[in-house]
Amino acid sequence: MRRRPAVTLHGERSAPVILVSYCLGYWDERGGTVNDRKPIECWLSDMDGVLVHEGHPVPGADEFIRRLRESGKRFMVLTNNSIYTPRDLAVRLRAAGLEVPPEAIWTSALATAKFLDDQRPGGSAYAVGEAGLTTALHEIGYVLTDIDPDYVVLGETRTYSFTQITRAIRLIEGGARFIATNPDPVGPSNEGSLPACGAVAALITKATGVEPYFVGKPNPMMMRSALRAIDGHSESTAMIGDRMDTDIVSGMEAGLHTILVLTGVMAKEQVDRYPFRPSQVVDSVADLIDMID
């Protein structure tokens, strides 16, 4: 690797600098980056593990959201969960002490509906999912049918029906295109893990030989559609997440400033196991409140 010549700052000769990828940034000893980025004007944040954990607010999350709302900065809370509508999720967050308006919530169901509206406006779909998905599809003018649909759209549901899965398999065999809201293989419950969208998608793929197109994280399309929804720009937007393999990688691939919080599933020592790094690592969103101003 060629080294950049030493530069002079205020008359003093500095140490040589190694140029590093823009996407990764320069990792300093404090866990931050020193690449030249525009000030953060928009914020994207994962929900579970960042703002709430096991139904309870993460310490500092209420103040973080309050400061965002008072600052007038545009923000969006993202989730791969396609079961609930934004209005449903706003009520659930309010019960946890977080005031997030429905218009500031972006689900994989909304991202999927936006994708389908761009690809085939006014189309039809056989949807396996709950209100979050069916409402999003209705709002873009899609017809929900099991008669020769353009797409089979698989989302999350608390009770996957063998009858529905069988119908989805036969429709895909008949030529319907296969879309899934997210690739998450399992979801949490009070009793333990539940099979989620990714696991059921694998079952359908095994039966049909057809792979779905996943719209939700880690597909960076989820980030880009959220950015368009708030008229944001990647160069001045931060993405906060608790997972390297979904939030951080998709934020990085979308060109965002990525921030890993340690209030979810990742421990700090696990970061180095990945071939990419976040722009910053912080203990929680409480450490980001001062960055809003």
C-alpha atoms as a PDB file:
ATOM      1  CA  MET A   1       0.000   0.000   0.000  1.00  0.00           C
ATOM      2  CA  ARG A   2       1.319   3.441  -0.938  1.00  0.00           C
ATOM      3  CA  ARG A   3       1.532   5.894   1.921  1.00  0.00           C
ATOM      4  CA  ARG A   4       0.332   9.411   1.546  1.00  0.00           C
ATOM      5  CA  PRO A   5       3.177  11.918   2.009  1.00  0.00           C
ATOM      6  CA  ALA A   6       3.430  13.597   5.395  1.00  0.00           C
ATOM      7  CA  VAL A   7       1.373  16.758   5.560  1.00  0.00           C
ATOM      8  CA  THR A   8       1.933  19.993   7.419  1.00  0.00           C
ATOM      9  CA  LEU A   9      -0.635  21.323   9.858  1.00  0.00           C
ATOM     10  CA  HIS A  10      -0.065  24.815  11.321  1.00  0.00           C
ATOM     11  CA  GLY A  11       3.613  24.572  10.506  1.00  0.00           C
ATOM     12  CA  GLU A  12       4.123  21.176  12.146  1.00  0.00           C
ATOM     13  CA  ARG A  13       4.915  18.010  10.273  1.00  0.00           C
ATOM     14  CA  SER A  14       2.274  15.349  10.920  1.00  0.00           C
ATOM     15  CA  ALA A  15       2.573  11.591  10.902  1.00  0.00           C
ATOM     16  CA  PRO A  16       1.884   9.826   7.602  1.00  0.00           C
ATOM     17  CA  VAL A  17      -1.789   9.039   7.026  1.00  0.00           C
ATOM     18  CA  ILE A  18      -3.120   5.839   5.491  1.00  0.00           C
ATOM     19  CA  LEU A  19      -6.152   6.411   3.276  1.00  0.00           C
ATOM     20  CA  VAL A  20      -9.088   4.244   4.291  1.00  0.00           C
ATOM     21  CA  SER A  21     -12.322   3.347   2.498  1.00  0.00           C
ATOM     22  CA  TYR A  22     -15.000   6.023   2.763  1.00  0.00           C
ATOM     23  CA  CYS A  23     -17.587   3.412   3.664  1.00  0.00           C
ATOM     24  CA  LEU A  24     -15.609   2.098   6.626  1.00  0.00           C
ATOM     25  CA  GLY A  25     -14.172   5.384   7.776  1.00  0.00           C
ATOM     26  CA  TYR A  26     -11.072   5.790   9.931  1.00  0.00           C
ATOM     27  CA  TRP A  27     -11.481   3.912  13.222  1.00  0.00           C
ATOM     28  CA  ASP A  28      -9.999   5.894  16.061  1.00  0.00           C
ATOM     29  CA  GLU A  29      -9.217   4.803  19.626  1.00  0.00           C
ATOM     30  CA  ARG A  30     -12.512   6.194  20.906  1.00  0.00           C
ATOM     31  CA  GLY A  31     -14.566   4.102  18.491  1.00  0.00           C
ATOM     32  CA  GLY A  32     -15.452   7.025  16.222  1.00  0.00           C
ATOM     33  CA  THR A  33     -14.537   8.163  12.743  1.00  0.00           C
ATOM     34  CA  VAL A  34     -12.710  11.193  11.523  1.00  0.00           C
ATOM     35  CA  ASN A  35     -13.702  11.205   7.874  1.00  0.00           C
ATOM     36  CA  ASP A  36     -15.224  14.395   6.553  1.00  0.00           C
ATOM     37  CA  ARG A  37     -18.976  14.016   6.748  1.00  0.00           C
ATOM     38  CA  LYS A  38     -21.743  16.561   6.718  1.00  0.00           C
ATOM     39  CA  PRO A  39     -23.458  17.310  10.045  1.00  0.00           C
ATOM     40  CA  ILE A  40     -26.157  14.766  10.877  1.00  0.00           C
ATOM     41  CA  GLU A  41     -29.522  16.207   9.874  1.00  0.00           C
ATOM     42  CA  CYS A  42     -31.587  13.000   9.789  1.00  0.00           C
ATOM     43  CA  TRP A  43     -31.675   9.999  12.093  1.00  0.00           C
ATOM     44  CA  LEU A  44     -32.727   6.429  11.418  1.00  0.00           C
ATOM     45  CA  SER A  45     -32.986   4.059  14.365  1.00  0.00           C
ATOM     46  CA  ASP A  46     -33.793   0.414  14.842  1.00  0.00           C
ATOM     47  CA  MET A  47     -36.470  -0.237  17.461  1.00  0.00           C
ATOM     48  CA  ASP A  48     -35.826  -3.449  19.413  1.00  0.00           C
ATOM     49  CA  GLY A  49     -32.492  -3.410  21.224  1.00  0.00           C
ATOM     50  CA  VAL A  50     -32.011   0.309  20.589  1.00  0.00           C
ATOM     51  CA  LEU A  51     -35.091   2.082  21.965  1.00  0.00           C
ATOM     52  CA  VAL A  52     -36.796  -0.813  23.740  1.00  0.00           C
ATOM     53  CA  HIS A  53     -35.556  -4.107  25.127  1.00  0.00           C
ATOM     54  CA  GLU A  54     -37.963  -6.906  26.022  1.00  0.00           C
ATOM     55  CA  GLY A  55     -40.844  -4.431  26.108  1.00  0.00           C
ATOM     56  CA  HIS A  56     -39.098  -1.898  28.358  1.00  0.00           C
ATOM     57  CA  PRO A  57     -37.515   1.400  27.254  1.00  0.00           C
ATOM     58  CA  VAL A  58     -33.737   1.526  27.093  1.00  0.00           C
ATOM     59  CA  PRO A  59     -32.451   4.079  29.650  1.00  0.00           C
ATOM     60  CA  GLY A  60     -32.132   7.427  27.896  1.00  0.00           C
ATOM     61  CA  ALA A  61     -34.360   6.468  24.959  1.00  0.00           C
ATOM     62  CA  ASP A  62     -37.211   8.723  26.107  1.00  0.00           C
ATOM     63  CA  GLU A  63     -34.884  11.740  26.311  1.00  0.00           C
ATOM     64  CA  PHE A  64     -33.312  10.848  22.947  1.00  0.00           C
ATOM     65  CA  ILE A  65     -36.707  10.780  21.228  1.00  0.00           C
ATOM     66  CA  ARG A  66     -37.847  13.941  23.025  1.00  0.00           C
ATOM     67  CA  ARG A  67     -34.760  15.848  21.911  1.00  0.00           C
ATOM     68  CA  LEU A  68     -35.203  14.633  18.341  1.00  0.00           C
ATOM     69  CA  ARG A  69     -38.778  15.878  18.273  1.00  0.00           C
ATOM     70  CA  GLU A  70     -37.893  19.234  19.857  1.00  0.00           C
ATOM     71  CA  SER A  71     -34.952  19.774  17.502  1.00  0.00           C
ATOM     72  CA  GLY A  72     -37.113  19.480  14.399  1.00  0.00           C
ATOM     73  CA  LYS A  73     -34.634  17.007  12.925  1.00  0.00           C
ATOM     74  CA  ARG A  74     -36.203  14.420  10.657  1.00  0.00           C
ATOM     75  CA  PHE A  75     -36.120  10.892  12.031  1.00  0.00           C
ATOM     76  CA  MET A  76     -37.574   7.465  11.415  1.00  0.00           C
ATOM     77  CA  VAL A  77     -37.773   4.380  13.620  1.00  0.00           C
ATOM     78  CA  LEU A  78     -37.236   1.211  11.582  1.00  0.00           C
ATOM     79  CA  THR A  79     -38.331  -2.340  12.258  1.00  0.00           C
ATOM     80  CA  ASN A  80     -38.312  -5.598  10.285  1.00  0.00           C
ATOM     81  CA  ASN A  81     -41.508  -6.574  12.097  1.00  0.00           C
ATOM     82  CA  SER A  82     -44.326  -6.537   9.526  1.00  0.00           C
ATOM     83  CA  ILE A  83     -47.125  -7.653  11.874  1.00  0.00           C
ATOM     84  CA  TYR A  84     -48.129  -4.191  13.093  1.00  0.00           C
ATOM     85  CA  THR A  85     -49.109  -0.963  11.363  1.00  0.00           C
ATOM     86  CA  PRO A  86     -47.204   2.204  12.319  1.00  0.00           C
ATOM     87  CA  ARG A  87     -50.234   3.301  14.364  1.00  0.00           C
ATOM     88  CA  ASP A  88     -50.174   0.002  16.274  1.00  0.00           C
ATOM     89  CA  LEU A  89     -46.452   0.361  16.971  1.00  0.00           C
ATOM     90  CA  ALA A  90     -46.839   3.978  18.094  1.00  0.00           C
ATOM     91  CA  VAL A  91     -49.340   2.808  20.732  1.00  0.00           C
ATOM     92  CA  ARG A  92     -47.006   0.022  21.878  1.00  0.00           C
ATOM     93  CA  LEU A  93     -44.098   2.466  22.139  1.00  0.00           C
ATOM     94  CA  ARG A  94     -46.252   4.923  24.058  1.00  0.00           C
ATOM     95  CA  ALA A  95     -47.046   2.168  26.553  1.00  0.00           C
ATOM     96  CA  ALA A  96     -43.277   1.836  27.043  1.00  0.00           C
ATOM     97  CA  GLY A  97     -42.981   5.589  27.655  1.00  0.00           C
ATOM     98  CA  LEU A  98     -41.754   6.608  24.188  1.00  0.00           C
ATOM     99  CA  GLU A  99     -43.693   9.172  22.153  1.00  0.00           C
ATOM    100  CA  VAL A 100     -43.052   8.308  18.515  1.00  0.00           C
ATOM    101  CA  PRO A 101     -45.676   9.474  15.997  1.00  0.00           C
ATOM    102  CA  PRO A 102     -46.918   6.865  13.487  1.00  0.00           C
ATOM    103  CA  GLU A 103     -45.509   8.858  10.574  1.00  0.00           C
ATOM    104  CA  ALA A 104     -42.023   8.407  12.085  1.00  0.00           C
ATOM    105  CA  ILE A 105     -42.209   4.600  11.995  1.00  0.00           C
ATOM    106  CA  TRP A 106     -41.059   2.613   8.948  1.00  0.00           C
ATOM    107  CA  THR A 107     -41.724  -1.127   8.814  1.00  0.00           C
ATOM    108  CA  SER A 108     -40.571  -3.828   6.419  1.00  0.00           C
ATOM    109  CA  ALA A 109     -44.226  -4.053   5.317  1.00  0.00           C
ATOM    110  CA  LEU A 110     -44.194  -0.382   4.251  1.00  0.00           C
ATOM    111  CA  ALA A 111     -40.850  -0.848   2.487  1.00  0.00           C
ATOM    112  CA  THR A 112     -42.215  -3.915   0.711  1.00  0.00           C
ATOM    113  CA  ALA A 113     -45.345  -2.061  -0.392  1.00  0.00           C
ATOM    114  CA  LYS A 114     -43.219   0.845  -1.686  1.00  0.00           C
ATOM    115  CA  PHE A 115     -41.056  -1.613  -3.616  1.00  0.00           C
ATOM    116  CA  LEU A 116     -44.069  -3.300  -5.213  1.00  0.00           C
ATOM    117  CA  ASP A 117     -45.654   0.052  -6.076  1.00  0.00           C
ATOM    118  CA  ASP A 118     -42.451   1.047  -7.868  1.00  0.00           C
ATOM    119  CA  GLN A 119     -42.120  -2.289  -9.657  1.00  0.00           C
ATOM    120  CA  ARG A 120     -45.712  -3.007 -10.669  1.00  0.00           C
ATOM    121  CA  PRO A 121     -48.194  -0.241  -9.750  1.00  0.00           C
ATOM    122  CA  GLY A 122     -51.790  -1.333  -9.230  1.00  0.00           C
ATOM    123  CA  GLY A 123     -50.859  -5.008  -9.114  1.00  0.00           C
ATOM    124  CA  SER A 124     -52.186  -7.938  -7.131  1.00  0.00           C
ATOM    125  CA  ALA A 125     -50.768 -10.113  -4.377  1.00  0.00           C
ATOM    126  CA  TYR A 126     -51.500 -13.137  -2.269  1.00  0.00           C
ATOM    127  CA  ALA A 127     -50.364 -11.972   1.169  1.00  0.00           C
ATOM    128  CA  VAL A 128     -49.418 -14.222   4.070  1.00  0.00           C
ATOM    129  CA  GLY A 129     -49.262 -11.903   7.053  1.00  0.00           C
ATOM    130  CA  GLU A 130     -51.212  -9.653   9.366  1.00  0.00           C
ATOM    131  CA  ALA A 131     -52.608  -6.125   9.399  1.00  0.00           C
ATOM    132  CA  GLY A 132     -49.246  -4.426   9.054  1.00  0.00           C
ATOM    133  CA  LEU A 133     -48.716  -6.059   5.658  1.00  0.00           C
ATOM    134  CA  THR A 134     -52.262  -6.158   4.303  1.00  0.00           C
ATOM    135  CA  THR A 135     -52.894  -2.519   5.251  1.00  0.00           C
ATOM    136  CA  ALA A 136     -49.682  -1.392   3.540  1.00  0.00           C
ATOM    137  CA  LEU A 137     -50.634  -3.269   0.365  1.00  0.00           C
ATOM    138  CA  HIS A 138     -54.168  -1.880   0.355  1.00  0.00           C
ATOM    139  CA  GLU A 139     -52.830   1.664   0.776  1.00  0.00           C
ATOM    140  CA  ILE A 140     -50.822   1.418  -2.468  1.00  0.00           C
ATOM    141  CA  GLY A 141     -53.918   0.192  -4.309  1.00  0.00           C
ATOM    142  CA  TYR A 142     -53.016  -3.488  -4.493  1.00  0.00           C
ATOM    143  CA  VAL A 143     -55.707  -6.134  -4.858  1.00  0.00           C
ATOM    144  CA  LEU A 144     -55.316  -9.013  -2.412  1.00  0.00           C
ATOM    145  CA  THR A 145     -56.320 -12.244  -4.099  1.00  0.00           C
ATOM    146  CA  ASP A 146     -55.457 -15.906  -4.483  1.00  0.00           C
ATOM    147  CA  ILE A 147     -56.555 -15.914  -8.123  1.00  0.00           C
ATOM    148  CA  ASP A 148     -53.526 -15.555 -10.418  1.00  0.00           C
ATOM    149  CA  PRO A 149     -51.753 -12.829  -8.365  1.00  0.00           C
ATOM    150  CA  ASP A 150     -48.684 -10.979  -9.597  1.00  0.00           C
ATOM    151  CA  TYR A 151     -46.889 -11.709  -6.318  1.00  0.00           C
ATOM    152  CA  VAL A 152     -46.905 -13.967  -3.325  1.00  0.00           C
ATOM    153  CA  VAL A 153     -45.895 -11.700  -0.434  1.00  0.00           C
ATOM    154  CA  LEU A 154     -44.763 -13.415   2.743  1.00  0.00           C
ATOM    155  CA  GLY A 155     -44.684 -11.440   5.981  1.00  0.00           C
ATOM    156  CA  GLU A 156     -44.753 -12.109   9.703  1.00  0.00           C
ATOM    157  CA  THR A 157     -47.706 -13.617  11.522  1.00  0.00           C
ATOM    158  CA  ARG A 158     -48.239 -15.079  14.955  1.00  0.00           C
ATOM    159  CA  THR A 159     -49.881 -18.173  13.466  1.00  0.00           C
ATOM    160  CA  TYR A 160     -48.581 -19.367  10.090  1.00  0.00           C
ATOM    161  CA  SER A 161     -51.290 -21.445   8.421  1.00  0.00           C
ATOM    162  CA  PHE A 162     -50.338 -24.669   6.643  1.00  0.00           C
ATOM    163  CA  THR A 163     -53.235 -24.020   4.276  1.00  0.00           C
ATOM    164  CA  GLN A 164     -51.881 -20.550   3.408  1.00  0.00           C
ATOM    165  CA  ILE A 165     -48.342 -21.854   2.938  1.00  0.00           C
ATOM    166  CA  THR A 166     -49.622 -24.615   0.651  1.00  0.00           C
ATOM    167  CA  ARG A 167     -51.581 -22.065  -1.397  1.00  0.00           C
ATOM    168  CA  ALA A 168     -48.504 -19.832  -1.628  1.00  0.00           C
ATOM    169  CA  ILE A 169     -46.425 -22.765  -2.895  1.00  0.00           C
ATOM    170  CA  ARG A 170     -48.949 -23.598  -5.611  1.00  0.00           C
ATOM    171  CA  LEU A 171     -49.268 -19.972  -6.722  1.00  0.00           C
ATOM    172  CA  ILE A 172     -45.487 -19.647  -7.013  1.00  0.00           C
ATOM    173  CA  GLU A 173     -45.384 -22.889  -8.976  1.00  0.00           C
ATOM    174  CA  GLY A 174     -48.002 -21.304 -11.227  1.00  0.00           C
ATOM    175  CA  GLY A 175     -45.816 -18.273 -11.948  1.00  0.00           C
ATOM    176  CA  ALA A 176     -46.380 -15.763  -9.132  1.00  0.00           C
ATOM    177  CA  ARG A 177     -43.284 -13.827  -8.124  1.00  0.00           C
ATOM    178  CA  PHE A 178     -42.033 -14.459  -4.581  1.00  0.00           C
ATOM    179  CA  ILE A 179     -41.416 -11.528  -2.204  1.00  0.00           C
ATOM    180  CA  ALA A 180     -40.720 -11.645   1.542  1.00  0.00           C
ATOM    181  CA  THR A 181     -40.748  -8.736   3.947  1.00  0.00           C
ATOM    182  CA  ASN A 182     -37.624  -9.774   5.885  1.00  0.00           C
ATOM    183  CA  PRO A 183     -35.144 -12.653   6.257  1.00  0.00           C
ATOM    184  CA  ASP A 184     -35.308 -12.998  10.076  1.00  0.00           C
ATOM    185  CA  PRO A 185     -35.441 -16.777  10.764  1.00  0.00           C
ATOM    186  CA  VAL A 186     -36.800 -16.593  14.315  1.00  0.00           C
ATOM    187  CA  GLY A 187     -38.736 -14.175  16.471  1.00  0.00           C
ATOM    188  CA  PRO A 188     -39.037 -13.837  20.253  1.00  0.00           C
ATOM    189  CA  SER A 189     -41.919 -14.892  22.456  1.00  0.00           C
ATOM    190  CA  ASN A 190     -42.485 -15.430  26.161  1.00  0.00           C
ATOM    191  CA  GLU A 191     -42.151 -19.174  25.600  1.00  0.00           C
ATOM    192  CA  GLY A 192     -38.988 -18.967  23.472  1.00  0.00           C
ATOM    193  CA  SER A 193     -38.123 -18.673  19.783  1.00  0.00           C
ATOM    194  CA  LEU A 194     -40.811 -18.760  17.100  1.00  0.00           C
ATOM    195  CA  PRO A 195     -40.284 -19.479  13.386  1.00  0.00           C
ATOM    196  CA  ALA A 196     -40.352 -16.167  11.546  1.00  0.00           C
ATOM    197  CA  CYS A 197     -40.524 -14.954   7.962  1.00  0.00           C
ATOM    198  CA  GLY A 198     -37.075 -16.201   6.914  1.00  0.00           C
ATOM    199  CA  ALA A 199     -37.729 -19.730   8.186  1.00  0.00           C
ATOM    200  CA  VAL A 200     -41.093 -20.008   6.438  1.00  0.00           C
ATOM    201  CA  ALA A 201     -39.580 -18.523   3.261  1.00  0.00           C
ATOM    202  CA  ALA A 202     -36.962 -21.304   3.355  1.00  0.00           C
ATOM    203  CA  LEU A 203     -39.759 -23.888   3.578  1.00  0.00           C
ATOM    204  CA  ILE A 204     -41.490 -22.407   0.509  1.00  0.00           C
ATOM    205  CA  THR A 205     -38.188 -22.207  -1.367  1.00  0.00           C
ATOM    206  CA  LYS A 206     -37.446 -25.843  -0.600  1.00  0.00           C
ATOM    207  CA  ALA A 207     -40.842 -26.826  -1.987  1.00  0.00           C
ATOM    208  CA  THR A 208     -40.729 -24.637  -5.105  1.00  0.00           C
ATOM    209  CA  GLY A 209     -37.050 -24.080  -5.889  1.00  0.00           C
ATOM    210  CA  VAL A 210     -37.812 -20.317  -6.017  1.00  0.00           C
ATOM    211  CA  GLU A 211     -35.861 -17.887  -3.833  1.00  0.00           C
ATOM    212  CA  PRO A 212     -37.749 -14.836  -2.522  1.00  0.00           C
ATOM    213  CA  TYR A 213     -36.591 -11.260  -2.795  1.00  0.00           C
ATOM    214  CA  PHE A 214     -36.228  -9.966   0.775  1.00  0.00           C
ATOM    215  CA  VAL A 215     -36.976  -6.245   1.117  1.00  0.00           C
ATOM    216  CA  GLY A 216     -36.230  -5.672   4.825  1.00  0.00           C
ATOM    217  CA  LYS A 217     -32.876  -5.363   6.564  1.00  0.00           C
ATOM    218  CA  PRO A 218     -30.112  -6.156   5.722  1.00  0.00           C
ATOM    219  CA  ASN A 219     -31.251  -5.050   2.272  1.00  0.00           C
ATOM    220  CA  PRO A 220     -30.087  -1.412   2.019  1.00  0.00           C
ATOM    221  CA  MET A 221     -33.300  -0.735   0.099  1.00  0.00           C
ATOM    222  CA  MET A 222     -35.014  -0.578   3.500  1.00  0.00           C
ATOM    223  CA  MET A 223     -32.751   2.346   4.435  1.00  0.00           C
ATOM    224  CA  ARG A 224     -33.142   4.093   1.097  1.00  0.00           C
ATOM    225  CA  SER A 225     -36.924   3.877   1.141  1.00  0.00           C
ATOM    226  CA  ALA A 226     -36.950   5.294   4.691  1.00  0.00           C
ATOM    227  CA  LEU A 227     -34.639   8.103   3.559  1.00  0.00           C
ATOM    228  CA  ARG A 228     -36.981   8.976   0.706  1.00  0.00           C
ATOM    229  CA  ALA A 229     -39.912   8.976   3.105  1.00  0.00           C
ATOM    230  CA  ILE A 230     -38.282  11.755   5.171  1.00  0.00           C
ATOM    231  CA  ASP A 231     -36.536  13.447   2.234  1.00  0.00           C
ATOM    232  CA  GLY A 232     -33.133  12.677   3.740  1.00  0.00           C
ATOM    233  CA  HIS A 233     -29.697  12.329   2.188  1.00  0.00           C
ATOM    234  CA  SER A 234     -27.256   9.538   2.936  1.00  0.00           C
ATOM    235  CA  GLU A 235     -24.328  11.903   3.517  1.00  0.00           C
ATOM    236  CA  SER A 236     -26.109  13.632   6.402  1.00  0.00           C
ATOM    237  CA  THR A 237     -27.998  10.699   7.944  1.00  0.00           C
ATOM    238  CA  ALA A 238     -27.060   8.379  10.817  1.00  0.00           C
ATOM    239  CA  MET A 239     -28.332   4.844  11.320  1.00  0.00           C
ATOM    240  CA  ILE A 240     -28.453   3.466  14.883  1.00  0.00           C
ATOM    241  CA  GLY A 241     -28.680  -0.280  15.392  1.00  0.00           C
ATOM    242  CA  ASP A 242     -27.810  -3.101  17.751  1.00  0.00           C
ATOM    243  CA  ARG A 243     -26.956  -5.754  15.144  1.00  0.00           C
ATOM    244  CA  MET A 244     -23.892  -5.810  12.930  1.00  0.00           C
ATOM    245  CA  ASP A 245     -25.425  -8.268  10.448  1.00  0.00           C
ATOM    246  CA  THR A 246     -28.587  -6.257   9.744  1.00  0.00           C
ATOM    247  CA  ASP A 247     -28.633  -2.629  10.946  1.00  0.00           C
ATOM    248  CA  ILE A 248     -24.960  -1.780  10.511  1.00  0.00           C
ATOM    249  CA  VAL A 249     -24.247  -3.602   7.249  1.00  0.00           C
ATOM    250  CA  SER A 250     -27.371  -2.222   5.547  1.00  0.00           C
ATOM    251  CA  GLY A 251     -26.651   1.280   6.840  1.00  0.00           C
ATOM    252  CA  MET A 252     -23.077   1.050   5.613  1.00  0.00           C
ATOM    253  CA  GLU A 253     -24.156  -0.187   2.176  1.00  0.00           C
ATOM    254  CA  ALA A 254     -26.614   2.702   1.964  1.00  0.00           C
ATOM    255  CA  GLY A 255     -23.759   5.146   2.671  1.00  0.00           C
ATOM    256  CA  LEU A 256     -24.951   6.235   6.115  1.00  0.00           C
ATOM    257  CA  HIS A 257     -23.058   7.122   9.277  1.00  0.00           C
ATOM    258  CA  THR A 258     -23.556   3.929  11.296  1.00  0.00           C
ATOM    259  CA  ILE A 259     -23.743   3.753  15.095  1.00  0.00           C
ATOM    260  CA  LEU A 260     -23.761   0.470  17.013  1.00  0.00           C
ATOM    261  CA  VAL A 261     -25.332   0.509  20.467  1.00  0.00           C
ATOM    262  CA  LEU A 262     -24.565  -2.194  23.026  1.00  0.00           C
ATOM    263  CA  THR A 263     -28.059  -2.443  24.546  1.00  0.00           C
ATOM    264  CA  GLY A 264     -29.180  -5.271  22.268  1.00  0.00           C
ATOM    265  CA  VAL A 265     -27.657  -8.524  21.070  1.00  0.00           C
ATOM    266  CA  MET A 266     -24.080  -7.433  20.301  1.00  0.00           C
ATOM    267  CA  ALA A 267     -21.147  -7.171  22.699  1.00  0.00           C
ATOM    268  CA  LYS A 268     -18.284  -4.800  21.935  1.00  0.00           C
ATOM    269  CA  GLU A 269     -15.742  -7.622  21.620  1.00  0.00           C
ATOM    270  CA  GLN A 270     -17.825  -9.173  18.827  1.00  0.00           C
ATOM    271  CA  VAL A 271     -17.397  -6.204  16.499  1.00  0.00           C
ATOM    272  CA  ASP A 272     -13.932  -7.228  15.330  1.00  0.00           C
ATOM    273  CA  ARG A 273     -15.266 -10.555  14.101  1.00  0.00           C
ATOM    274  CA  TYR A 274     -16.939  -8.807  11.170  1.00  0.00           C
ATOM    275  CA  PRO A 275     -15.151  -7.662   7.986  1.00  0.00           C
ATOM    276  CA  PHE A 276     -16.803  -4.233   8.297  1.00  0.00           C
ATOM    277  CA  ARG A 277     -17.105  -1.785  11.170  1.00  0.00           C
ATOM    278  CA  PRO A 278     -19.616   0.801  12.314  1.00  0.00           C
ATOM    279  CA  SER A 279     -18.663   4.449  12.264  1.00  0.00           C
ATOM    280  CA  GLN A 280     -19.169   4.572  16.033  1.00  0.00           C
ATOM    281  CA  VAL A 281     -19.784   2.225  18.962  1.00  0.00           C
ATOM    282  CA  VAL A 282     -21.584   3.627  22.034  1.00  0.00           C
ATOM    283  CA  ASP A 283     -23.121   2.089  25.123  1.00  0.00           C
ATOM    284  CA  SER A 284     -26.646   3.331  24.380  1.00  0.00           C
ATOM    285  CA  VAL A 285     -28.682   6.047  22.682  1.00  0.00           C
ATOM    286  CA  ALA A 286     -28.228   8.087  25.858  1.00  0.00           C
ATOM    287  CA  ASP A 287     -24.673   8.750  24.609  1.00  0.00           C
ATOM    288  CA  LEU A 288     -26.039  10.283  21.387  1.00  0.00           C
ATOM    289  CA  ILE A 289     -28.306  12.945  22.862  1.00  0.00           C
ATOM    290  CA  ASP A 290     -25.684  15.674  22.643  1.00  0.00           C
ATOM    291  CA  MET A 291     -25.083  14.841  18.962  1.00  0.00           C
ATOM    292  CA  ILE A 292     -28.643  15.894  18.110  1.00  0.00           C
ATOM    293  CA  ASP A 293     -27.881  19.569  18.702  1.00  0.00           C
END
